[in-house]
């Protein structure tokens, strides 16, 4: 238990309090936790001569003091209007989280409150005080603004902090010898338990002491380290802007503290990146170099990986914008050229219906191509911002896929490519977004058509399962190199930049298809053999949504399955644009 009188210089505090009262008229009192008054300066006569001197009003003072003691918070002050109708503010004095005394500021009135003199006149009459002298004492009670009171409180808090710090210094002084012994043992323990390696050396770099972490990090024994120079460990030429230890020491003296990253050589010849914090310290009057060393090899490797990834992302971004520019420029050029041809024919009054129809077809096809690109970009923007919605309905997925395949058959046949549909189940009702399923399947089928040579084949198969229904689209096209299969679903990635214009694209179709399928709880993967063909495997979860009109939904969907013409033209536009 701390003793306030032993820890705090009461005489000094009393002198400070007297000076404050003489200058500013601010009363102060300090009462110990045992109730003894240690300091009392500027206490008002109305309290000391009347309220505290009368047995009844003195009880009011005691009740007020008890209230303050029971409600005071160790972390803050308390303002209380006593039962004798004046304000007191109590501020706790805390030492090492122990409440050892309380500083009182009062008694006073706020300048924005009306002093009820009639109340005090009745007090004098009730308790037999000399009314004139009692009211005269009342007139001497100071009045403060609330703002000033706040400043006084802050000042006293600072004063209390000064007292506490003084007490702490006294306490620390009394226990210094005991703590010194404990600290030495404690520091020795920390020195050897910290995760960072610690080196202490002279100004020439000779190692004088190390901790256990330094031993394990360097793979040298402690005895070996104490017989070598730190310059033998640092790989200056590989990682450091300094040529030797002397240059490092000179820089440390100049800056007081130096943090550098260097490569160090271990005893077994292996190397590791470290971050060293180096400074000059004084030990028993001698200048020493203190180095705290942390292994940052993993961080450096991660930084290198991130750097390479950033370079790759920048390359992909540049390629993507180049692709998009080309994808926009090519159809726009064709639109412009065909428009010029049509205008020229009109001006020359040479109307060739077949040529005009052909030019209009080219324009339409390239408009579809632009629509496809813009649709994909819009959907990616919605995906990234979380605004792309899924509309799940129950439908016969077998019928949906079959109708899509039949609808694109004439387009594959134009390229002399045979397309085959096969299923081991005739009906399977699942919940899916019909529009998104169309987008996914048309994208996969257009890719298969794009990369399959005339005379080739495309096989669409459906296999029923307990949890998933699997749809595979397999072609006999050019295939994908094995090391590129994993990147085809990455956004803006293309397998090969050497494709012809009929084979190129923006690099976002498969990534979008993957996202659209995953939003429905499904997945997509690919298998491929370069030069032989590619197989895309789509899995849809076997789930249904609650719908009171499910049969009507199925009928509506079945009636609309043939309406794919424009969607197919859009999805296949980059194959037929000329």
Protein backbone atom coordinates (compact mmCIF):
# COMPACT_ATOMS: atom_id res chain seq x y z
CA UNK A 1 0.00 0.00 0.00
CA UNK A 2 1.43 3.38 -1.00
CA UNK A 3 1.67 6.13 1.63
CA UNK A 4 0.87 9.54 0.16
CA UNK A 5 3.02 11.48 2.64
CA UNK A 6 6.04 9.25 2.01
CA UNK A 7 5.83 9.50 -1.76
CA UNK A 8 4.81 13.13 -2.30
CA UNK A 9 6.67 16.22 -1.08
CA UNK A 10 3.78 17.78 0.81
CA UNK A 11 5.65 21.01 1.60
CA UNK A 12 6.39 21.63 -2.08
CA UNK A 13 2.79 20.95 -3.07
CA UNK A 14 1.50 23.25 -0.32
CA UNK A 15 3.82 26.04 -1.53
CA UNK A 16 2.57 25.62 -5.11
CA UNK A 17 -1.05 25.68 -3.91
CA UNK A 18 -0.47 28.87 -1.89
CA UNK A 19 1.06 30.62 -4.90
CA UNK A 20 -1.83 29.55 -7.14
CA UNK A 21 -4.35 30.85 -4.63
CA UNK A 22 -2.46 34.13 -4.20
CA UNK A 23 -2.35 34.73 -7.95
CA UNK A 24 -5.68 33.33 -9.17
CA UNK A 25 -7.81 32.86 -6.07
CA UNK A 26 -8.22 29.16 -6.81
CA UNK A 27 -8.68 27.09 -3.64
CA UNK A 28 -7.19 23.62 -3.35
CA UNK A 29 -7.25 20.78 -0.90
CA UNK A 30 -5.66 17.33 -0.84
CA UNK A 31 -7.18 14.64 1.36
CA UNK A 32 -5.52 11.27 1.86
CA UNK A 33 -7.33 8.02 1.31
CA UNK A 34 -7.51 7.70 5.10
CA UNK A 35 -9.45 10.99 5.31
CA UNK A 36 -6.60 13.13 6.66
CA UNK A 37 -6.33 16.64 5.21
CA UNK A 38 -2.79 16.95 3.83
CA UNK A 39 -3.14 20.31 2.05
CA UNK A 40 -5.80 22.98 2.60
CA UNK A 41 -5.28 26.33 0.89
CA UNK A 42 -7.97 28.93 0.19
CA UNK A 43 -10.79 26.99 1.80
CA UNK A 44 -13.75 29.27 2.26
CA UNK A 45 -14.76 30.67 5.64
CA UNK A 46 -18.35 29.72 4.95
CA UNK A 47 -17.22 26.11 5.09
CA UNK A 48 -14.47 26.11 7.71
CA UNK A 49 -16.13 28.53 10.16
CA UNK A 50 -19.75 27.60 9.64
CA UNK A 51 -20.66 24.43 7.74
CA UNK A 52 -17.84 22.27 9.07
CA UNK A 53 -18.13 23.75 12.56
CA UNK A 54 -21.83 23.01 13.06
CA UNK A 55 -22.80 19.46 13.93
CA UNK A 56 -25.74 19.32 11.48
CA UNK A 57 -24.18 21.07 8.48
CA UNK A 58 -20.98 19.16 9.17
CA UNK A 59 -22.98 15.99 8.55
CA UNK A 60 -23.87 17.43 5.13
CA UNK A 61 -20.14 17.83 4.45
CA UNK A 62 -19.52 14.24 5.53
CA UNK A 63 -22.34 12.98 3.31
CA UNK A 64 -20.90 14.93 0.38
CA UNK A 65 -17.41 13.54 1.01
CA UNK A 66 -18.78 9.99 1.24
CA UNK A 67 -20.64 10.49 -2.04
CA UNK A 68 -17.49 11.70 -3.79
CA UNK A 69 -15.40 8.82 -2.40
CA UNK A 70 -17.93 6.22 -3.55
CA UNK A 71 -18.48 7.69 -7.01
CA UNK A 72 -15.07 8.98 -8.03
CA UNK A 73 -13.60 7.31 -11.08
CA UNK A 74 -9.90 6.50 -11.11
CA UNK A 75 -9.66 7.74 -14.66
CA UNK A 76 -11.56 11.04 -14.35
CA UNK A 77 -12.80 13.81 -12.07
CA UNK A 78 -16.19 14.26 -10.46
CA UNK A 79 -18.14 17.52 -10.07
CA UNK A 80 -20.60 17.59 -7.15
CA UNK A 81 -22.90 20.23 -5.69
CA UNK A 82 -22.75 19.61 -1.97
CA UNK A 83 -25.74 19.56 0.35
CA UNK A 84 -24.73 23.03 1.52
CA UNK A 85 -25.38 24.22 -2.07
CA UNK A 86 -21.83 24.90 -3.34
CA UNK A 87 -19.72 23.19 -5.99
CA UNK A 88 -16.77 20.87 -5.30
CA UNK A 89 -14.64 19.12 -7.91
CA UNK A 90 -12.60 16.07 -6.92
CA UNK A 91 -9.71 14.70 -8.97
CA UNK A 92 -8.21 11.33 -7.96
CA UNK A 93 -4.46 11.00 -7.43
CA UNK A 94 -3.49 7.59 -8.79
CA UNK A 95 -0.13 5.90 -8.34
CA UNK A 96 0.46 2.56 -10.08
CA UNK A 97 -3.32 2.18 -10.46
CA UNK A 98 -3.81 2.73 -6.71
CA UNK A 99 -5.98 5.61 -5.44
CA UNK A 100 -3.76 7.24 -2.80
CA UNK A 101 -5.40 10.66 -2.34
CA UNK A 102 -7.92 13.10 -3.78
CA UNK A 103 -7.35 16.68 -4.89
CA UNK A 104 -10.33 18.97 -4.21
CA UNK A 105 -11.03 22.21 -6.04
CA UNK A 106 -13.79 24.20 -4.32
CA UNK A 107 -15.92 25.62 -2.97
CA UNK A 108 -17.24 27.92 -5.72
CA UNK A 109 -20.24 28.97 -7.80
CA UNK A 110 -20.69 28.99 -11.59
CA UNK A 111 -21.17 32.46 -13.03
CA UNK A 112 -24.15 31.34 -15.07
CA UNK A 113 -26.19 30.23 -12.06
CA UNK A 114 -28.22 32.48 -9.75
CA UNK A 115 -27.04 32.37 -6.13
CA UNK A 116 -30.07 31.96 -3.91
CA UNK A 117 -29.13 34.34 -1.08
CA UNK A 118 -32.50 33.81 0.54
CA UNK A 119 -31.63 30.12 0.91
CA UNK A 120 -28.40 30.97 2.72
CA UNK A 121 -30.16 33.60 4.88
CA UNK A 122 -32.57 30.91 6.02
CA UNK A 123 -29.55 28.62 6.61
CA UNK A 124 -28.07 31.22 8.96
CA UNK A 125 -31.35 31.57 10.80
CA UNK A 126 -31.94 27.83 10.97
CA UNK A 127 -28.53 26.93 12.40
CA UNK A 128 -27.96 30.07 14.46
CA UNK A 129 -25.18 31.60 12.37
CA UNK A 130 -24.52 35.35 12.54
CA UNK A 131 -26.49 36.30 9.46
CA UNK A 132 -24.40 39.32 8.48
CA UNK A 133 -21.06 37.51 8.91
CA UNK A 134 -22.40 34.35 7.26
CA UNK A 135 -23.63 36.26 4.18
CA UNK A 136 -20.34 38.17 4.10
CA UNK A 137 -18.52 34.82 3.97
CA UNK A 138 -20.89 33.78 1.20
CA UNK A 139 -19.96 36.86 -0.83
CA UNK A 140 -16.31 35.83 -0.71
CA UNK A 141 -16.97 32.44 -2.31
CA UNK A 142 -15.34 32.67 -5.78
CA UNK A 143 -17.38 32.54 -8.96
CA UNK A 144 -15.95 30.96 -12.12
CA UNK A 145 -17.15 30.47 -15.65
CA UNK A 146 -17.62 26.90 -16.77
CA UNK A 147 -14.86 27.37 -19.36
CA UNK A 148 -12.45 28.53 -16.68
CA UNK A 149 -13.38 25.58 -14.49
CA UNK A 150 -12.50 23.25 -17.36
CA UNK A 151 -9.09 24.95 -17.68
CA UNK A 152 -8.56 24.69 -13.92
CA UNK A 153 -9.41 20.99 -14.04
CA UNK A 154 -6.92 20.42 -16.86
CA UNK A 155 -4.29 22.37 -14.93
CA UNK A 156 -4.86 20.30 -11.81
CA UNK A 157 -4.72 17.10 -13.83
CA UNK A 158 -1.31 18.23 -15.04
CA UNK A 159 -0.32 19.07 -11.47
CA UNK A 160 -1.48 15.65 -10.36
CA UNK A 161 0.54 14.06 -13.14
CA UNK A 162 3.59 15.96 -11.90
CA UNK A 163 2.95 14.72 -8.37
CA UNK A 164 2.46 11.17 -9.57
CA UNK A 165 5.63 11.28 -11.65
CA UNK A 166 7.50 12.65 -8.65
CA UNK A 167 6.09 9.86 -6.53
CA UNK A 168 7.01 7.30 -9.12
CA UNK A 169 10.56 8.58 -9.26
CA UNK A 170 10.73 8.29 -5.50
CA UNK A 171 9.31 4.80 -5.63
CA UNK A 172 11.68 3.79 -8.40
CA UNK A 173 14.64 5.19 -6.50
CA UNK A 174 13.77 3.21 -3.39
CA UNK A 175 13.51 0.00 -5.39
CA UNK A 176 16.31 0.69 -7.88
CA UNK A 177 18.85 -1.72 -6.46
CA UNK A 178 16.38 -4.57 -6.31
CA UNK A 179 15.17 -3.85 -9.84
CA UNK A 180 18.71 -3.58 -11.11
CA UNK A 181 19.38 -7.18 -10.24
CA UNK A 182 16.07 -8.34 -11.66
CA UNK A 183 16.56 -6.27 -14.82
CA UNK A 184 19.96 -7.78 -15.53
CA UNK A 185 18.53 -11.27 -15.40
CA UNK A 186 15.49 -10.17 -17.38
CA UNK A 187 17.57 -8.48 -20.08
CA UNK A 188 19.82 -11.50 -20.38
CA UNK A 189 16.72 -13.62 -20.94
CA UNK A 190 15.31 -11.22 -23.55
CA UNK A 191 18.69 -10.94 -25.25
CA UNK A 192 18.65 -14.65 -25.93
CA UNK A 193 14.93 -15.15 -26.54
CA UNK A 194 14.13 -12.41 -29.08
CA UNK A 195 13.47 -13.55 -32.63
CA UNK A 196 15.92 -11.01 -34.07
CA UNK A 197 19.65 -11.63 -34.10
CA UNK A 198 21.63 -9.14 -32.00
CA UNK A 199 25.28 -8.32 -32.66
CA UNK A 200 27.50 -6.10 -30.51
CA UNK A 201 30.85 -5.15 -31.98
CA UNK A 202 33.60 -2.57 -31.90
CA UNK A 203 33.96 0.25 -34.42
CA UNK A 204 36.14 -1.96 -36.62
CA UNK A 205 33.41 -4.60 -37.01
CA UNK A 206 34.91 -7.20 -34.67
CA UNK A 207 32.08 -9.13 -33.00
CA UNK A 208 32.10 -8.88 -29.19
CA UNK A 209 28.79 -10.49 -28.26
CA UNK A 210 25.81 -12.17 -29.95
CA UNK A 211 22.56 -13.75 -28.85
CA UNK A 212 21.34 -17.26 -29.56
CA UNK A 213 19.26 -16.15 -32.56
CA UNK A 214 22.42 -14.80 -34.23
CA UNK A 215 24.06 -18.19 -33.69
CA UNK A 216 21.19 -20.14 -35.28
CA UNK A 217 20.74 -17.62 -38.11
CA UNK A 218 24.41 -17.64 -39.11
CA UNK A 219 25.01 -21.37 -38.45
CA UNK A 220 28.30 -20.40 -36.72
CA UNK A 221 28.87 -21.26 -33.07
CA UNK A 222 29.03 -18.37 -30.63
CA UNK A 223 32.77 -18.94 -30.15
CA UNK A 224 33.32 -18.78 -33.91
CA UNK A 225 31.34 -15.55 -34.23
CA UNK A 226 33.35 -13.90 -31.45
CA UNK A 227 36.50 -14.51 -33.46
CA UNK A 228 35.43 -13.08 -36.82
CA UNK A 229 34.63 -9.68 -38.29
CA UNK A 230 31.11 -8.84 -39.45
CA UNK A 231 32.62 -7.89 -42.81
CA UNK A 232 33.28 -11.60 -43.40
CA UNK A 233 29.53 -12.28 -43.26
CA UNK A 234 28.12 -9.40 -45.35
CA UNK A 235 28.11 -9.83 -49.14
CA UNK A 236 28.92 -6.19 -49.94
CA UNK A 237 29.18 -6.48 -53.73
CA UNK A 238 25.88 -8.34 -54.15
CA UNK A 239 23.55 -6.24 -52.06
CA UNK A 240 25.08 -3.24 -50.37
CA UNK A 241 25.78 0.38 -51.29
CA UNK A 242 28.75 0.34 -48.93
CA UNK A 243 32.15 -1.11 -49.75
CA UNK A 244 33.13 -2.18 -46.24
CA UNK A 245 32.35 -2.01 -42.53
CA UNK A 246 34.16 1.31 -42.10
CA UNK A 247 31.77 3.04 -44.51
CA UNK A 248 28.77 1.63 -42.64
CA UNK A 249 30.16 2.80 -39.27
CA UNK A 250 30.83 6.28 -40.68
CA UNK A 251 27.25 6.49 -41.97
CA UNK A 252 25.84 5.29 -38.63
CA UNK A 253 27.77 7.99 -36.77
CA UNK A 254 26.46 10.56 -39.21
CA UNK A 255 22.80 9.48 -39.01
CA UNK A 256 22.73 8.09 -35.45
CA UNK A 257 20.79 5.08 -36.78
CA UNK A 258 21.03 3.19 -40.05
CA UNK A 259 18.64 0.60 -41.46
CA UNK A 260 19.90 -1.38 -44.41
CA UNK A 261 19.07 -4.55 -46.28
CA UNK A 262 21.99 -6.81 -47.16
CA UNK A 263 22.75 -10.37 -48.17
CA UNK A 264 24.66 -12.37 -45.54
CA UNK A 265 26.64 -15.54 -46.03
CA UNK A 266 26.09 -18.37 -43.56
CA UNK A 267 28.78 -20.80 -42.45
CA UNK A 268 27.47 -23.48 -44.84
CA UNK A 269 27.77 -21.06 -47.78
CA UNK A 270 24.05 -20.43 -48.18
CA UNK A 271 22.85 -16.85 -48.35
CA UNK A 272 19.96 -14.97 -46.83
CA UNK A 273 18.54 -11.47 -47.00
CA UNK A 274 18.51 -9.58 -43.70
CA UNK A 275 17.32 -6.20 -42.50
CA UNK A 276 19.85 -4.70 -40.09
CA UNK A 277 19.18 -1.79 -37.75
CA UNK A 278 22.58 -0.41 -36.75
CA UNK A 279 23.49 2.30 -34.26
CA UNK A 280 26.37 3.41 -32.04
CA UNK A 281 25.85 2.87 -28.29
CA UNK A 282 27.96 3.54 -25.22
CA UNK A 283 28.88 0.61 -23.01
CA UNK A 284 30.96 1.46 -19.94
CA UNK A 285 32.38 4.51 -21.69
CA UNK A 286 33.30 2.69 -24.92
CA UNK A 287 31.59 3.24 -28.28
CA UNK A 288 30.12 0.02 -29.59
CA UNK A 289 28.11 -0.96 -32.65
CA UNK A 290 24.72 -2.52 -31.91
CA UNK A 291 23.10 -4.38 -34.79
CA UNK A 292 19.61 -5.88 -34.68
CA UNK A 293 19.21 -8.26 -37.60
CA UNK A 294 16.02 -9.80 -38.98
CA UNK A 295 15.76 -12.51 -41.62
CA UNK A 296 13.73 -11.05 -44.52
CA UNK A 297 14.48 -13.71 -47.13
CA UNK A 298 10.81 -14.70 -47.46
CA UNK A 299 9.77 -11.06 -47.74
CA UNK A 300 12.34 -10.44 -50.47
CA UNK A 301 11.16 -13.49 -52.36
CA UNK A 302 7.56 -12.29 -52.00
CA UNK A 303 8.56 -8.81 -53.22
CA UNK A 304 10.24 -10.35 -56.24
CA UNK A 305 7.13 -12.44 -56.93
CA UNK A 306 4.90 -9.37 -56.60
CA UNK A 307 7.20 -7.39 -58.85
CA UNK A 308 7.10 -10.08 -61.52
CA UNK A 309 3.32 -10.32 -61.15
CA UNK A 310 3.02 -6.55 -61.53
CA UNK A 311 5.14 -6.68 -64.67
CA UNK A 312 3.01 -9.51 -66.02
CA UNK A 313 -0.22 -7.67 -65.17
CA UNK A 314 1.06 -4.57 -66.90
CA UNK A 315 1.96 -6.65 -69.96
CA UNK A 316 -1.50 -8.27 -69.94
CA UNK A 317 -3.15 -4.87 -69.52
CA UNK A 318 -1.17 -3.44 -72.43
CA UNK A 319 -2.01 -6.45 -74.61
CA UNK A 320 -5.66 -6.22 -73.61
CA UNK A 321 -5.98 -2.57 -74.58
CA UNK A 322 -4.13 -3.29 -77.81
CA UNK A 323 -6.59 -6.14 -78.45
CA UNK A 324 -9.61 -4.00 -77.60
CA UNK A 325 -8.32 -1.22 -79.85
CA UNK A 326 -7.91 -3.71 -82.68
CA UNK A 327 -11.28 -5.33 -81.96
CA UNK A 328 -12.92 -1.91 -82.18
CA UNK A 329 -10.87 -0.60 -85.08
CA UNK A 330 -11.34 -3.57 -87.43
CA UNK A 331 -15.17 -3.61 -87.54
CA UNK A 332 -15.28 0.18 -87.56
CA UNK A 333 -12.95 0.26 -90.57
CA UNK A 334 -15.11 -2.30 -92.34
CA UNK A 335 -18.24 -0.30 -91.52
CA UNK A 336 -16.59 2.85 -92.87
CA UNK A 337 -15.33 1.15 -96.03
CA UNK A 338 -18.67 -0.45 -96.89
CA UNK A 339 -20.45 2.84 -96.21
CA UNK A 340 -18.08 4.60 -98.61
CA UNK A 341 -18.67 1.95 -101.27
CA UNK A 342 -22.46 2.27 -100.93
CA UNK A 343 -22.25 6.08 -101.07
CA UNK A 344 -19.99 5.93 -104.12
CA UNK A 345 -22.44 3.58 -105.90
CA UNK A 346 -25.32 5.93 -105.07
CA UNK A 347 -23.41 8.97 -106.34
CA UNK A 348 -22.45 7.17 -109.55
CA UNK A 349 -26.00 5.84 -109.84
CA UNK A 350 -24.65 2.34 -110.13
CA UNK A 351 -27.09 0.32 -108.05
CA UNK A 352 -26.03 -3.31 -107.81
CA UNK A 353 -28.48 -4.97 -105.47
CA UNK A 354 -26.24 -7.98 -104.84
CA UNK A 355 -23.22 -5.82 -103.94
CA UNK A 356 -25.28 -3.51 -101.74
CA UNK A 357 -26.79 -6.52 -99.95
CA UNK A 358 -23.31 -7.97 -99.43
CA UNK A 359 -22.03 -4.66 -98.03
CA UNK A 360 -25.04 -4.36 -95.74
CA UNK A 361 -24.41 -7.91 -94.50
CA UNK A 362 -20.81 -6.95 -93.74
CA UNK A 363 -22.04 -3.90 -91.84
CA UNK A 364 -24.57 -5.95 -89.89
CA UNK A 365 -22.00 -8.60 -89.06
CA UNK A 366 -19.52 -6.01 -87.77
CA UNK A 367 -22.23 -4.28 -85.77
CA UNK A 368 -22.87 -7.64 -84.10
CA UNK A 369 -19.16 -7.91 -83.46
CA UNK A 370 -19.10 -4.52 -81.71
CA UNK A 371 -22.23 -5.42 -79.74
CA UNK A 372 -20.56 -8.65 -78.58
CA UNK A 373 -17.45 -6.81 -77.40
CA UNK A 374 -19.45 -4.09 -75.65
CA UNK A 375 -21.79 -6.64 -74.02
CA UNK A 376 -18.80 -8.50 -72.60
CA UNK A 377 -17.19 -5.31 -71.30
CA UNK A 378 -20.47 -4.18 -69.71
CA UNK A 379 -20.96 -7.56 -68.04
CA UNK A 380 -17.42 -7.49 -66.65
CA UNK A 381 -18.03 -4.02 -65.26
CA UNK A 382 -21.24 -5.26 -63.62
CA UNK A 383 -19.40 -8.29 -62.26
CA UNK A 384 -16.66 -6.18 -60.70
CA UNK A 385 -19.16 -3.77 -59.14
CA UNK A 386 -21.53 -6.51 -57.97
CA UNK A 387 -24.46 -5.36 -60.10
CA UNK A 388 -24.75 -8.37 -62.43
CA UNK A 389 -27.96 -10.12 -61.45
CA UNK A 390 -28.89 -13.78 -61.74
CA UNK A 391 -32.48 -14.76 -62.59
CA UNK A 392 -32.84 -18.41 -61.63
CA UNK A 393 -35.79 -20.34 -63.06
CA UNK A 394 -36.58 -24.03 -63.28
CA UNK A 395 -36.14 -25.40 -66.78
CA UNK A 396 -35.45 -28.61 -68.67
CA UNK A 397 -31.71 -28.14 -69.19
CA UNK A 398 -31.58 -31.01 -71.71
CA UNK A 399 -34.06 -29.27 -73.99
CA UNK A 400 -32.28 -25.91 -73.56
CA UNK A 401 -28.86 -27.29 -74.55
CA UNK A 402 -30.29 -29.32 -77.45
CA UNK A 403 -32.09 -26.29 -78.91
CA UNK A 404 -28.92 -24.20 -78.65
CA UNK A 405 -26.90 -26.88 -80.44
CA UNK A 406 -29.52 -27.25 -83.18
CA UNK A 407 -29.65 -23.47 -83.62
CA UNK A 408 -25.90 -23.18 -84.27
CA UNK A 409 -25.75 -26.25 -86.50
CA UNK A 410 -26.26 -24.28 -89.72
CA UNK A 411 -23.40 -21.95 -88.78
CA UNK A 412 -20.99 -24.83 -88.13
CA UNK A 413 -22.09 -26.54 -91.34
CA UNK A 414 -21.20 -23.35 -93.28
CA UNK A 415 -17.62 -24.02 -92.17
CA UNK A 416 -17.94 -27.71 -93.05
CA UNK A 417 -17.83 -28.68 -89.37
CA UNK A 418 -20.06 -31.48 -88.12
CA UNK A 419 -21.78 -30.94 -84.73
CA UNK A 420 -23.27 -33.84 -82.73
CA UNK A 421 -25.52 -33.76 -79.66
CA UNK A 422 -25.79 -36.75 -77.31
CA UNK A 423 -27.40 -37.23 -73.89
CA UNK A 424 -28.00 -40.12 -71.51
CA UNK A 425 -31.14 -38.48 -70.10
CA UNK A 426 -34.11 -36.94 -71.89
CA UNK A 427 -35.35 -34.57 -69.20
CA UNK A 428 -33.67 -32.89 -66.24
CA UNK A 429 -35.27 -29.90 -64.54
CA UNK A 430 -32.77 -27.69 -62.72
CA UNK A 431 -32.59 -24.07 -61.64
CA UNK A 432 -30.47 -21.86 -63.87
CA UNK A 433 -30.36 -18.45 -65.50
CA UNK A 434 -31.50 -19.19 -69.05
CA UNK A 435 -29.94 -16.07 -70.54
CA UNK A 436 -26.59 -16.79 -68.87
CA UNK A 437 -26.69 -20.44 -69.99
CA UNK A 438 -27.19 -19.25 -73.58
CA UNK A 439 -24.23 -16.84 -73.27
CA UNK A 440 -22.00 -19.57 -71.84
CA UNK A 441 -22.91 -22.25 -74.39
CA UNK A 442 -22.75 -19.90 -77.39
CA UNK A 443 -19.31 -18.69 -76.28
CA UNK A 444 -17.99 -22.25 -75.90
CA UNK A 445 -19.51 -23.34 -79.23
CA UNK A 446 -18.21 -20.27 -81.08
CA UNK A 447 -14.70 -20.99 -79.74
CA UNK A 448 -14.99 -24.60 -80.85
CA UNK A 449 -16.09 -23.47 -84.32
CA UNK A 450 -13.41 -20.79 -84.50
CA UNK A 451 -10.52 -23.16 -83.74
CA UNK A 452 -11.73 -26.23 -85.67
CA UNK A 453 -10.61 -26.66 -89.26
CA UNK A 454 -13.13 -27.51 -92.03
CA UNK A 455 -13.88 -31.21 -91.99
CA UNK A 456 -13.60 -31.34 -88.20
CA UNK A 457 -16.23 -32.19 -85.59
CA UNK A 458 -17.80 -30.80 -82.42
CA UNK A 459 -19.41 -33.13 -79.88
CA UNK A 460 -21.85 -31.88 -77.22
CA UNK A 461 -22.64 -34.50 -74.56
CA UNK A 462 -24.80 -34.40 -71.43
CA UNK A 463 -24.26 -36.78 -68.52
CA UNK A 464 -26.63 -36.95 -65.57
CA UNK A 465 -25.33 -37.03 -62.00
CA UNK A 466 -26.66 -36.97 -58.46
CA UNK A 467 -25.30 -33.54 -57.49
CA UNK A 468 -24.33 -32.10 -60.86
CA UNK A 469 -25.34 -32.48 -64.48
CA UNK A 470 -22.27 -32.40 -66.73
CA UNK A 471 -22.19 -30.86 -70.20
CA UNK A 472 -19.07 -31.38 -72.29
CA UNK A 473 -18.19 -29.61 -75.54
CA UNK A 474 -15.37 -31.39 -77.37
CA UNK A 475 -13.82 -30.39 -80.69
CA UNK A 476 -11.17 -31.73 -83.04
CA UNK A 477 -9.56 -28.32 -83.40
CA UNK A 478 -6.02 -27.03 -82.96
CA UNK A 479 -5.97 -27.69 -79.21
CA UNK A 480 -4.20 -25.80 -76.43
CA UNK A 481 -0.60 -26.33 -75.26
CA UNK A 482 -0.55 -28.07 -71.87
CA UNK A 483 1.19 -25.17 -70.13
CA UNK A 484 -1.51 -22.76 -71.34
CA UNK A 485 -4.63 -24.69 -70.27
CA UNK A 486 -4.64 -23.12 -66.80
CA UNK A 487 -4.66 -19.53 -68.09
CA UNK A 488 -7.48 -19.66 -70.65
CA UNK A 489 -10.05 -18.67 -68.00
CA UNK A 490 -7.95 -15.73 -66.78
CA UNK A 491 -9.29 -12.35 -67.71
CA UNK A 492 -7.68 -10.73 -70.78
CA UNK A 493 -5.44 -13.75 -71.43
CA UNK A 494 -4.97 -15.38 -74.83
CA UNK A 495 -3.16 -18.59 -75.56
CA UNK A 496 -1.28 -17.53 -78.69
CA UNK A 497 -0.82 -14.14 -80.36
CA UNK A 498 0.03 -15.75 -83.69
CA UNK A 499 -3.60 -16.62 -84.56
CA UNK A 500 -5.18 -15.19 -87.68
CA UNK A 501 -7.82 -12.48 -87.37
CA UNK A 502 -10.55 -15.09 -87.74
CA UNK A 503 -9.18 -16.74 -84.60
CA UNK A 504 -8.43 -13.72 -82.45
CA UNK A 505 -10.60 -12.26 -79.73
CA UNK A 506 -10.56 -9.84 -76.84
CA UNK A 507 -9.47 -12.44 -74.28
CA UNK A 508 -12.51 -11.99 -72.03
CA UNK A 509 -15.09 -14.49 -73.34
CA UNK A 510 -14.02 -17.61 -71.42
CA UNK A 511 -13.34 -15.64 -68.26
CA UNK A 512 -16.84 -14.19 -68.45
CA UNK A 513 -18.34 -17.62 -69.12
CA UNK A 514 -16.56 -18.99 -66.04
CA UNK A 515 -17.87 -16.14 -63.86
CA UNK A 516 -21.43 -16.53 -65.15
CA UNK A 517 -21.38 -20.26 -64.45
CA UNK A 518 -19.90 -19.86 -60.96
CA UNK A 519 -22.63 -17.32 -60.11
CA UNK A 520 -25.10 -20.17 -60.66
CA UNK A 521 -23.13 -22.51 -58.40
CA UNK A 522 -21.48 -24.35 -61.27
CA UNK A 523 -17.95 -24.79 -62.54
CA UNK A 524 -16.03 -25.05 -65.80
CA UNK A 525 -12.75 -26.74 -66.67
CA UNK A 526 -10.84 -27.68 -69.79
CA UNK A 527 -8.81 -30.60 -71.11
CA UNK A 528 -6.74 -30.33 -74.26
CA UNK A 529 -4.10 -31.99 -76.40
CA UNK A 530 -2.22 -29.65 -78.63
CA UNK A 531 -2.94 -30.40 -82.30
CA UNK A 532 -5.73 -32.86 -81.44
CA UNK A 533 -8.55 -30.93 -79.80
CA UNK A 534 -10.07 -29.40 -76.69
CA UNK A 535 -12.79 -30.47 -74.30
CA UNK A 536 -14.69 -28.04 -72.06
CA UNK A 537 -16.53 -29.54 -69.09
CA UNK A 538 -19.42 -27.57 -67.58
CA UNK A 539 -21.10 -28.64 -64.34
CA UNK A 540 -24.49 -27.31 -63.27
CA UNK A 541 -25.77 -28.08 -59.74
CA UNK A 542 -28.92 -30.19 -59.57
CA UNK A 543 -31.10 -27.72 -57.68
CA UNK A 544 -34.54 -26.23 -58.20
CA UNK A 545 -36.06 -22.98 -56.98
CA UNK A 546 -39.45 -22.65 -55.36
CA UNK A 547 -42.02 -21.69 -57.97
CA UNK A 548 -45.79 -22.08 -57.87
CA UNK A 549 -45.86 -21.68 -61.67
CA UNK A 550 -42.99 -24.02 -62.52
CA UNK A 551 -44.86 -25.83 -65.30
CA UNK A 552 -45.91 -22.56 -66.87
CA UNK A 553 -42.28 -21.40 -66.65
CA UNK A 554 -41.14 -24.55 -68.41
CA UNK A 555 -43.71 -24.04 -71.16
CA UNK A 556 -42.66 -20.41 -71.60
CA UNK A 557 -38.99 -21.36 -71.79
CA UNK A 558 -39.63 -24.15 -74.27
CA UNK A 559 -41.60 -21.77 -76.50
CA UNK A 560 -38.70 -19.30 -76.59
CA UNK A 561 -35.86 -21.75 -77.21
CA UNK A 562 -35.91 -21.19 -80.95
CA UNK A 563 -35.30 -17.47 -80.61
CA UNK A 564 -31.50 -17.64 -80.76
CA UNK A 565 -30.82 -16.22 -84.22
CA UNK A 566 -29.65 -12.76 -83.22
CA UNK A 567 -27.79 -14.03 -80.14
CA UNK A 568 -25.95 -16.56 -82.30
CA UNK A 569 -25.09 -13.91 -84.87
CA UNK A 570 -23.65 -11.74 -82.10
CA UNK A 571 -21.66 -14.58 -80.49
CA UNK A 572 -20.36 -15.91 -83.82
CA UNK A 573 -19.68 -12.46 -85.30
CA UNK A 574 -15.89 -12.57 -84.88
CA UNK A 575 -15.81 -15.70 -87.03
CA UNK A 576 -17.77 -14.27 -89.96
CA UNK A 577 -16.64 -10.61 -89.92
CA UNK A 578 -14.63 -9.94 -93.04
